[in-house]
Amino acid sequence: MLLLRKAIISNSKRFKTNWIQPEGYDTGIKVYNCVTRTKVPLVVANKSCVTMYTCGPTVYDSAHIVRVTDNMTLIVKFIKKLFDEKFAYKSEDGSVYFDVSQYENYGKLQKIGENTLEVNTGGIKNSPADFALWKAAKPNEPYWDSFFGPGRPGWHIECSALAGNIIGSSVDIHAGGIDLRFPHHENEEAQSCTFFSKPQWVNYWLHTGHLHLRDSVKMSKSLKNTISIQDMLKTVNPVVFRVACLLSHYRSNIEYSSDLIFTAEKVLSGIKNFTDDCNSFLKGQLQSTIDNKSLIESLSETMTAVDNALQDDFNTPVVIESIHHLMTVTNKMLHTPSTNSNYLNHSVYVTAVMNFVLEIFKVFGVDVLSKQINDKEVNDYSDIIDVLIKFRQNVRQLGISERNENALKLCDETRDELRNLGVYIKDHGKISSWSR
């Protein structure tokens, strides 16, 4: 039976989309809030533990972790409570729908035109805005038995039931793609606020941009323009892809391309070479002109810039840019020759810069010094390479002093051959250093 009725109670109750700032520990971070359309303080309930749930990604593949089919009883109980408390109704075809008219704040996450919610134009639902909690079984489709009859869960109820059961009646952060903000997250918030009898279930909704292929819309199974995780990892190191993600703000779209991967590889290689040069200096292999005062000032400025960027809605591109500037300043000093061999006066400052760079990337899950960074264990032939580099260095100095072009040519050939094997030699006057 069709019910032609208003799906909104009144204009005064509908569209109450105020966000409630939670009580608790102020992290000092500001994040973009899709309800207020502004950046707001990130306040979490517990200083030592942040509760977070994320939807997806919808990968339709082996990357799935949480199986809805293992939690069907939990989902049915969630729906039954909403049904018993008159927040849901059963339609003529046996499906169960959430009654949006019973929830005042629908349209909280994304503004919705009032005409979308007003009356039913025909169909089995009371209102066009009502969404399925339980879909009645159809021929040739999987189904489960329930209090409402055979069927399967609606899309939105799955996340609410799982997150609500694990985290509870209040969630610090709920994340997902920007395309999930409406209707998925909107409906999650509506049914969960109703289930827990609270005006706000999730305190912060963080939405990521889409992953695109070049000259295409977002990756989608229906458009057949996806790349599986397994296929990507055949050619791309996972650490490199992580760096590629850091190059874009989490709310921005990412264009997946060979150029992006090349840029990320270059960034990672730059960090590795920088740490190698720092270590060469600390071993006394580089005689460099280090300005302690300028270096510590640059480090202090970078630390402040990184802290400000991370507090500003996790602005990782600015972090990468700031780190790059610090490495450029330090590299310039490291590669400026000095006749002063007493590097110990400067070692503490160079060490501080190197450790800061390494620790920041560890925060992002990038261990630059890990031997697993190339997806396989790298045999450590450092002692042997040191002997070879020293021998080449002596031959090179002999060639320079005697103006022996053949000797210098052999040194260049050795350098080029080692580069093809992933060992890079850098000549600094009478001293040579190497890095992988």
Protein backbone atom coordinates (compact mmCIF):
# COMPACT_ATOMS: atom_id res chain seq x y z
CA MET A 1 0.00 0.00 0.00
CA LEU A 2 1.41 3.36 -1.02
CA LEU A 3 1.54 6.04 1.64
CA LEU A 4 1.46 9.58 0.29
CA ARG A 5 2.72 11.67 3.13
CA LYS A 6 5.30 14.21 4.08
CA ALA A 7 8.72 12.77 4.77
CA ILE A 8 9.71 15.83 6.72
CA ILE A 9 8.24 16.78 10.06
CA SER A 10 8.66 20.52 9.72
CA ASN A 11 11.15 23.02 8.37
CA SER A 12 12.15 23.89 11.93
CA LYS A 13 13.20 20.31 12.67
CA ARG A 14 14.57 19.29 9.30
CA PHE A 15 18.02 20.58 8.31
CA LYS A 16 19.30 21.00 11.87
CA THR A 17 22.83 20.31 10.76
CA ASN A 18 24.81 21.76 13.65
CA TRP A 19 28.00 19.96 14.55
CA ILE A 20 28.69 19.30 18.21
CA GLN A 21 32.31 19.75 19.20
CA PRO A 22 33.17 16.78 21.42
CA GLU A 23 34.70 16.98 24.86
CA GLY A 24 38.06 15.42 25.56
CA TYR A 25 41.68 15.91 24.55
CA ASP A 26 42.45 18.69 22.08
CA THR A 27 45.17 17.32 19.78
CA GLY A 28 46.12 20.76 18.47
CA ILE A 29 45.23 19.52 14.98
CA LYS A 30 42.59 21.13 12.79
CA VAL A 31 40.71 19.03 10.24
CA TYR A 32 38.18 19.86 7.56
CA ASN A 33 34.65 19.30 8.81
CA CYS A 34 32.09 18.54 6.08
CA VAL A 35 29.23 19.55 8.40
CA THR A 36 30.49 23.06 9.19
CA ARG A 37 32.41 23.37 5.89
CA THR A 38 35.35 24.72 7.90
CA LYS A 39 38.46 23.45 9.66
CA VAL A 40 37.75 22.67 13.29
CA PRO A 41 39.82 21.48 16.30
CA LEU A 42 40.33 17.72 16.43
CA VAL A 43 39.25 16.70 19.94
CA VAL A 44 39.39 13.00 20.82
CA ALA A 45 37.84 11.21 23.75
CA ASN A 46 41.04 9.52 24.90
CA LYS A 47 44.50 11.13 24.77
CA SER A 48 46.27 7.82 24.26
CA CYS A 49 43.83 6.14 21.87
CA VAL A 50 41.92 7.39 18.83
CA THR A 51 38.94 5.38 17.59
CA MET A 52 38.71 5.28 13.80
CA TYR A 53 36.68 3.39 11.25
CA THR A 54 37.08 3.56 7.49
CA CYS A 55 34.81 2.37 4.71
CA GLY A 56 36.21 0.46 1.81
CA PRO A 57 37.95 0.70 -0.43
CA THR A 58 35.42 -1.16 -2.56
CA VAL A 59 38.00 -3.41 -4.14
CA TYR A 60 35.92 -6.50 -4.92
CA ASP A 61 39.04 -8.57 -4.41
CA SER A 62 41.35 -10.30 -1.95
CA ALA A 63 42.18 -7.02 -0.21
CA HIS A 64 38.93 -7.28 1.74
CA ILE A 65 39.46 -7.91 5.50
CA VAL A 66 36.08 -7.41 7.30
CA ARG A 67 33.48 -10.14 5.89
CA VAL A 68 29.90 -9.01 6.29
CA THR A 69 28.71 -12.59 5.88
CA ASP A 70 30.46 -13.50 9.14
CA ASN A 71 28.44 -10.88 11.03
CA MET A 72 24.92 -11.40 9.73
CA THR A 73 23.41 -12.06 13.18
CA LEU A 74 24.86 -8.79 14.46
CA ILE A 75 23.39 -6.86 11.52
CA VAL A 76 19.93 -8.39 11.90
CA LYS A 77 19.87 -7.43 15.60
CA PHE A 78 20.80 -3.87 14.70
CA ILE A 79 17.94 -3.63 12.19
CA LYS A 80 15.46 -5.26 14.58
CA LYS A 81 16.09 -2.62 17.24
CA LEU A 82 15.38 0.17 14.74
CA PHE A 83 12.27 -1.68 13.60
CA ASP A 84 11.00 -2.34 17.13
CA GLU A 85 11.45 1.31 18.08
CA LYS A 86 9.44 2.47 15.02
CA PHE A 87 12.39 4.01 13.18
CA ALA A 88 12.02 1.48 10.37
CA TYR A 89 9.13 -0.15 8.55
CA LYS A 90 8.53 -3.16 6.36
CA SER A 91 7.43 -2.53 2.80
CA GLU A 92 5.02 -4.51 0.67
CA ASP A 93 7.81 -6.55 -0.94
CA GLY A 94 9.25 -7.63 2.42
CA SER A 95 12.15 -5.17 2.53
CA VAL A 96 12.83 -3.04 5.59
CA TYR A 97 13.44 0.71 5.20
CA PHE A 98 14.73 3.38 7.55
CA ASP A 99 12.11 6.05 8.10
CA VAL A 100 13.93 9.32 7.47
CA SER A 101 10.97 11.34 8.75
CA GLN A 102 11.75 10.07 12.26
CA TYR A 103 15.28 11.53 12.19
CA GLU A 104 15.58 15.31 12.46
CA ASN A 105 19.10 15.87 11.17
CA TYR A 106 19.05 14.15 7.79
CA GLY A 107 21.19 16.14 5.37
CA LYS A 108 23.84 16.84 8.01
CA LEU A 109 26.87 15.82 5.96
CA GLN A 110 25.68 17.03 2.57
CA LYS A 111 23.02 19.63 2.04
CA ILE A 112 19.97 18.14 0.35
CA GLY A 113 17.17 19.95 -1.44
CA GLU A 114 13.97 19.92 0.59
CA ASN A 115 11.94 18.66 -2.37
CA THR A 116 14.01 15.48 -2.30
CA LEU A 117 12.49 14.58 1.04
CA GLU A 118 8.89 15.77 0.83
CA VAL A 119 6.57 13.25 -0.79
CA ASN A 120 6.58 9.87 -2.41
CA THR A 121 5.96 9.82 -6.12
CA GLY A 122 5.11 6.15 -6.22
CA GLY A 123 6.79 2.89 -5.28
CA ILE A 124 7.16 0.68 -2.24
CA LYS A 125 8.82 3.26 0.02
CA ASN A 126 7.02 5.84 2.13
CA SER A 127 9.46 8.51 0.97
CA PRO A 128 12.15 8.75 -1.72
CA ALA A 129 14.70 9.52 1.00
CA ASP A 130 14.03 6.31 2.96
CA PHE A 131 16.82 3.79 2.46
CA ALA A 132 16.98 0.02 2.69
CA LEU A 133 18.14 -1.70 5.87
CA TRP A 134 17.13 -5.17 4.67
CA LYS A 135 16.41 -6.13 1.08
CA ALA A 136 13.90 -8.89 0.45
CA ALA A 137 15.28 -11.99 -1.27
CA LYS A 138 15.15 -12.17 -5.05
CA PRO A 139 15.44 -15.24 -7.27
CA ASN A 140 18.99 -16.41 -8.02
CA GLU A 141 20.55 -14.09 -5.39
CA PRO A 142 22.17 -15.00 -2.05
CA TYR A 143 19.93 -14.55 0.99
CA TRP A 144 19.82 -15.13 4.73
CA ASP A 145 16.90 -15.88 7.01
CA SER A 146 15.90 -13.19 9.48
CA PHE A 147 13.10 -11.89 11.67
CA PHE A 148 11.87 -9.93 8.60
CA GLY A 149 12.01 -12.87 6.24
CA PRO A 150 14.71 -14.03 3.79
CA GLY A 151 16.93 -11.35 2.32
CA ARG A 152 20.23 -9.56 2.66
CA PRO A 153 21.49 -6.36 4.35
CA GLY A 154 21.34 -2.96 2.75
CA TRP A 155 24.63 -1.31 1.90
CA HIS A 156 24.65 1.29 4.68
CA ILE A 157 23.68 -0.90 7.62
CA GLU A 158 26.77 -3.08 7.29
CA CYS A 159 29.25 -0.39 8.37
CA SER A 160 27.03 0.94 11.16
CA ALA A 161 26.54 -2.48 12.69
CA LEU A 162 30.20 -3.48 12.48
CA ALA A 163 31.65 -0.14 13.64
CA GLY A 164 29.01 0.27 16.34
CA ASN A 165 29.67 -3.20 17.71
CA ILE A 166 33.46 -2.79 17.77
CA ILE A 167 33.87 0.88 18.67
CA GLY A 168 30.57 1.73 20.31
CA SER A 169 28.21 4.66 20.55
CA SER A 170 30.80 7.32 19.76
CA VAL A 171 33.49 7.31 17.06
CA ASP A 172 36.31 9.85 16.95
CA ILE A 173 37.02 9.59 13.21
CA HIS A 174 35.18 7.91 10.36
CA ALA A 175 36.97 7.97 7.00
CA GLY A 176 36.22 7.00 3.42
CA GLY A 177 36.20 8.27 -0.14
CA ILE A 178 34.48 11.56 -0.94
CA ASP A 179 31.91 9.68 -3.01
CA LEU A 180 30.72 7.95 0.18
CA ARG A 181 29.73 11.16 1.95
CA PHE A 182 26.25 10.87 0.46
CA PRO A 183 24.32 8.72 0.69
CA HIS A 184 26.46 6.13 2.49
CA HIS A 185 27.89 8.16 5.36
CA GLU A 186 24.78 10.29 5.66
CA ASN A 187 22.70 7.15 6.12
CA GLU A 188 25.24 5.62 8.50
CA GLU A 189 25.03 8.66 10.74
CA ALA A 190 21.24 8.73 10.63
CA GLN A 191 20.69 5.09 11.56
CA SER A 192 23.50 5.01 14.15
CA CYS A 193 22.39 8.20 15.92
CA THR A 194 18.92 6.68 16.08
CA PHE A 195 20.22 3.29 17.27
CA PHE A 196 22.33 4.80 20.06
CA SER A 197 19.85 7.62 20.86
CA LYS A 198 22.52 10.27 20.33
CA PRO A 199 22.54 13.52 18.31
CA GLN A 200 26.03 12.73 16.96
CA TRP A 201 27.60 9.31 16.38
CA VAL A 202 30.76 10.27 14.46
CA ASN A 203 32.61 13.38 15.60
CA TYR A 204 34.79 13.80 12.51
CA TRP A 205 34.13 12.59 8.96
CA LEU A 206 37.34 12.62 6.88
CA HIS A 207 36.94 12.09 3.15
CA THR A 208 39.72 11.25 0.71
CA GLY A 209 39.95 12.22 -2.94
CA HIS A 210 39.61 9.72 -5.77
CA LEU A 211 42.33 7.69 -7.43
CA HIS A 212 42.33 8.35 -11.17
CA LEU A 213 44.12 6.97 -14.14
CA ARG A 214 45.47 9.63 -16.48
CA ASP A 215 42.69 11.25 -18.55
CA SER A 216 39.99 9.23 -16.80
CA VAL A 217 37.41 9.53 -14.09
CA LYS A 218 37.87 7.71 -10.79
CA MET A 219 38.83 4.05 -10.80
CA SER A 220 35.68 1.96 -10.85
CA LYS A 221 34.87 -1.69 -11.44
CA SER A 222 31.94 -0.74 -13.64
CA LEU A 223 34.18 1.40 -15.89
CA LYS A 224 36.77 -1.39 -16.09
CA ASN A 225 39.59 1.08 -15.45
CA THR A 226 40.98 -0.41 -12.26
CA ILE A 227 44.43 -1.72 -11.40
CA SER A 228 44.54 -4.54 -8.88
CA ILE A 229 46.85 -4.32 -5.90
CA GLN A 230 48.58 -7.51 -7.03
CA ASP A 231 49.26 -6.11 -10.50
CA MET A 232 50.52 -2.79 -9.15
CA LEU A 233 52.96 -4.49 -6.77
CA LYS A 234 54.53 -6.39 -9.67
CA THR A 235 56.10 -3.15 -10.89
CA VAL A 236 55.80 -0.69 -8.00
CA ASN A 237 57.43 -0.96 -4.60
CA PRO A 238 54.76 -0.46 -1.88
CA VAL A 239 57.01 2.06 -0.12
CA VAL A 240 57.22 4.08 -3.35
CA PHE A 241 53.43 4.10 -3.64
CA ARG A 242 53.17 5.27 -0.03
CA VAL A 243 55.49 8.18 -0.85
CA ALA A 244 53.37 8.92 -3.95
CA CYS A 245 50.33 9.27 -1.71
CA LEU A 246 52.20 11.68 0.56
CA LEU A 247 52.82 13.98 -2.40
CA SER A 248 49.09 14.81 -2.54
CA HIS A 249 46.80 16.06 0.20
CA TYR A 250 44.44 13.34 1.39
CA ARG A 251 41.39 15.35 0.28
CA SER A 252 42.76 15.80 -3.24
CA ASN A 253 42.42 13.42 -6.17
CA ILE A 254 45.49 11.44 -7.21
CA GLU A 255 46.32 10.73 -10.84
CA TYR A 256 48.01 7.34 -10.94
CA SER A 257 50.61 7.36 -13.69
CA SER A 258 54.20 6.44 -14.46
CA ASP A 259 55.11 10.10 -13.91
CA LEU A 260 53.72 9.97 -10.37
CA ILE A 261 55.65 6.80 -9.56
CA PHE A 262 58.82 8.23 -11.09
CA THR A 263 58.48 11.37 -8.94
CA ALA A 264 57.93 9.28 -5.82
CA GLU A 265 60.98 7.12 -6.64
CA LYS A 266 63.03 10.28 -7.10
CA VAL A 267 61.90 11.62 -3.72
CA LEU A 268 62.74 8.33 -2.00
CA SER A 269 66.09 8.09 -3.78
CA GLY A 270 66.88 11.67 -2.75
CA ILE A 271 66.28 10.84 0.90
CA LYS A 272 68.41 7.70 0.71
CA ASN A 273 71.27 9.57 -0.97
CA PHE A 274 71.01 12.35 1.59
CA THR A 275 71.37 9.95 4.51
CA ASP A 276 74.26 8.24 2.77
CA ASP A 277 76.03 11.58 2.39
CA CYS A 278 75.39 12.41 6.04
CA ASN A 279 76.87 9.07 7.06
CA SER A 280 79.87 9.62 4.80
CA PHE A 281 80.50 12.90 6.57
CA LEU A 282 80.11 11.30 9.99
CA LYS A 283 82.65 8.61 9.00
CA GLY A 284 85.15 11.26 7.99
CA GLN A 285 84.89 10.40 4.31
CA LEU A 286 83.69 13.93 3.43
CA GLN A 287 85.55 17.09 4.44
CA SER A 288 82.73 19.61 4.30
CA THR A 289 82.09 23.22 5.25
CA ILE A 290 79.35 23.06 7.88
CA ASP A 291 77.87 26.26 9.29
CA ASN A 292 76.52 25.03 12.61
CA LYS A 293 74.44 28.14 13.32
CA SER A 294 72.78 28.21 9.90
CA LEU A 295 72.18 24.47 9.95
CA ILE A 296 70.47 24.44 13.34
CA GLU A 297 68.37 27.45 12.36
CA SER A 298 67.25 25.68 9.20
CA LEU A 299 66.43 22.55 11.22
CA SER A 300 64.41 24.56 13.74
CA GLU A 301 62.47 26.32 10.98
CA THR A 302 61.75 23.00 9.28
CA MET A 303 60.55 21.39 12.50
CA THR A 304 58.12 24.26 12.99
CA ALA A 305 56.96 24.12 9.36
CA VAL A 306 56.39 20.35 9.53
CA ASP A 307 54.49 20.63 12.81
CA ASN A 308 52.29 23.41 11.43
CA ALA A 309 51.61 21.49 8.22
CA LEU A 310 50.56 18.31 10.02
CA GLN A 311 48.33 20.29 12.37
CA ASP A 312 46.72 21.94 9.35
CA ASP A 313 44.53 19.04 8.21
CA PHE A 314 47.51 16.69 7.72
CA ASN A 315 49.08 18.68 4.88
CA THR A 316 51.70 16.13 3.80
CA PRO A 317 52.75 17.89 0.55
CA VAL A 318 53.97 20.85 2.60
CA VAL A 319 55.83 18.43 4.89
CA ILE A 320 57.63 16.88 1.91
CA GLU A 321 58.45 20.33 0.54
CA SER A 322 59.84 21.49 3.90
CA ILE A 323 61.98 18.37 4.29
CA HIS A 324 63.30 18.82 0.75
CA HIS A 325 64.35 22.38 1.54
CA LEU A 326 66.21 21.23 4.68
CA MET A 327 68.03 18.52 2.74
CA THR A 328 68.99 21.04 0.02
CA VAL A 329 70.50 23.41 2.59
CA THR A 330 72.39 20.57 4.28
CA ASN A 331 73.56 19.02 1.00
CA LYS A 332 75.02 22.34 -0.10
CA MET A 333 77.16 22.39 3.05
CA LEU A 334 78.11 18.72 2.77
CA HIS A 335 79.37 19.19 -0.78
CA THR A 336 81.30 22.37 -0.13
CA PRO A 337 84.92 21.18 0.38
CA SER A 338 86.82 22.22 3.49
CA THR A 339 90.45 21.94 4.51
CA ASN A 340 89.36 21.53 8.13
CA SER A 341 89.41 17.82 8.91
CA ASN A 342 87.92 18.25 12.40
CA TYR A 343 84.38 17.18 11.55
CA LEU A 344 83.54 16.25 15.15
CA ASN A 345 82.58 19.86 15.93
CA HIS A 346 79.83 19.60 13.33
CA SER A 347 78.78 15.97 13.59
CA VAL A 348 76.08 16.54 16.22
CA TYR A 349 74.29 19.03 13.95
CA VAL A 350 74.47 16.84 10.86
CA THR A 351 73.26 13.89 12.94
CA ALA A 352 70.32 15.92 14.25
CA VAL A 353 69.22 16.85 10.72
CA MET A 354 69.58 13.30 9.41
CA ASN A 355 67.67 11.78 12.35
CA PHE A 356 64.86 14.31 12.01
CA VAL A 357 64.39 13.48 8.32
CA LEU A 358 64.41 9.74 9.03
CA GLU A 359 61.98 10.02 11.95
CA ILE A 360 59.46 12.09 10.02
CA PHE A 361 59.30 9.49 7.27
CA LYS A 362 59.02 6.72 9.85
CA VAL A 363 55.89 8.47 11.08
CA PHE A 364 54.52 7.97 7.56
CA GLY A 365 55.53 4.31 7.54
CA VAL A 366 58.59 4.84 5.32
CA ASP A 367 61.76 3.34 6.78
CA VAL A 368 64.42 4.72 4.48
CA LEU A 369 67.16 2.58 5.99
CA SER A 370 65.23 -0.69 5.77
CA LYS A 371 66.95 -3.42 3.78
CA GLN A 372 63.49 -4.52 2.66
CA ILE A 373 62.83 -1.26 0.87
CA ASN A 374 63.45 -2.87 -2.54
CA ASP A 375 61.11 -5.79 -1.81
CA LYS A 376 64.00 -8.16 -1.23
CA GLU A 377 66.89 -8.56 1.17
CA VAL A 378 69.91 -6.63 0.00
CA ASN A 379 73.18 -8.45 0.65
CA ASP A 380 75.48 -6.26 2.69
CA TYR A 381 78.78 -6.12 0.85
CA SER A 382 79.70 -2.78 2.37
CA ASP A 383 83.21 -3.81 3.42
CA ILE A 384 83.99 -5.17 -0.03
CA ILE A 385 82.63 -2.04 -1.73
CA ASP A 386 84.67 0.14 0.64
CA VAL A 387 87.86 -1.67 -0.49
CA LEU A 388 86.91 -1.26 -4.16
CA ILE A 389 86.09 2.44 -3.76
CA LYS A 390 89.38 3.05 -1.94
CA PHE A 391 91.31 1.27 -4.70
CA ARG A 392 89.51 3.30 -7.40
CA GLN A 393 90.15 6.49 -5.43
CA ASN A 394 93.90 5.78 -5.30
CA VAL A 395 94.01 4.99 -9.03
CA ARG A 396 92.06 8.15 -9.77
CA GLN A 397 94.40 10.34 -7.73
CA LEU A 398 97.37 8.71 -9.46
CA GLY A 399 95.76 9.38 -12.84
CA ILE A 400 95.16 13.02 -11.94
CA SER A 401 98.68 13.61 -10.63
CA GLU A 402 100.32 11.93 -13.66
CA ARG A 403 97.68 13.17 -16.13
CA ASN A 404 97.10 9.58 -17.18
CA GLU A 405 93.89 9.63 -19.25
CA ASN A 406 93.76 5.83 -19.50
CA ALA A 407 93.70 5.47 -15.70
CA LEU A 408 90.99 8.12 -15.40
CA LYS A 409 88.97 6.40 -18.12
CA LEU A 410 89.15 3.10 -16.21
CA CYS A 411 87.93 4.90 -13.08
CA ASP A 412 84.97 6.35 -14.98
CA GLU A 413 84.10 2.95 -16.45
CA THR A 414 84.21 1.38 -12.99
CA ARG A 415 81.91 4.12 -11.69
CA ASP A 416 79.43 3.57 -14.53
CA GLU A 417 79.43 -0.22 -14.11
CA LEU A 418 78.79 0.08 -10.39
CA ARG A 419 75.93 2.51 -11.09
CA ASN A 420 74.27 -0.14 -13.25
CA LEU A 421 74.44 -2.43 -10.21
CA GLY A 422 72.82 0.20 -7.98
CA VAL A 423 75.99 1.55 -6.35
CA TYR A 424 76.53 5.28 -6.86
CA ILE A 425 80.01 6.80 -6.47
CA LYS A 426 80.47 10.49 -5.72
CA ASP A 427 83.89 12.09 -6.07
CA HIS A 428 84.67 14.99 -3.71
CA GLY A 429 88.12 16.20 -4.57
CA LYS A 430 90.57 13.65 -3.18
CA ILE A 431 87.83 11.71 -1.38
CA SER A 432 85.13 9.46 -2.84
CA SER A 433 81.91 8.25 -1.21
CA TRP A 434 79.30 5.75 -2.32
CA SER A 435 75.64 4.96 -1.77
CA ARG A 436 73.14 2.39 -2.98
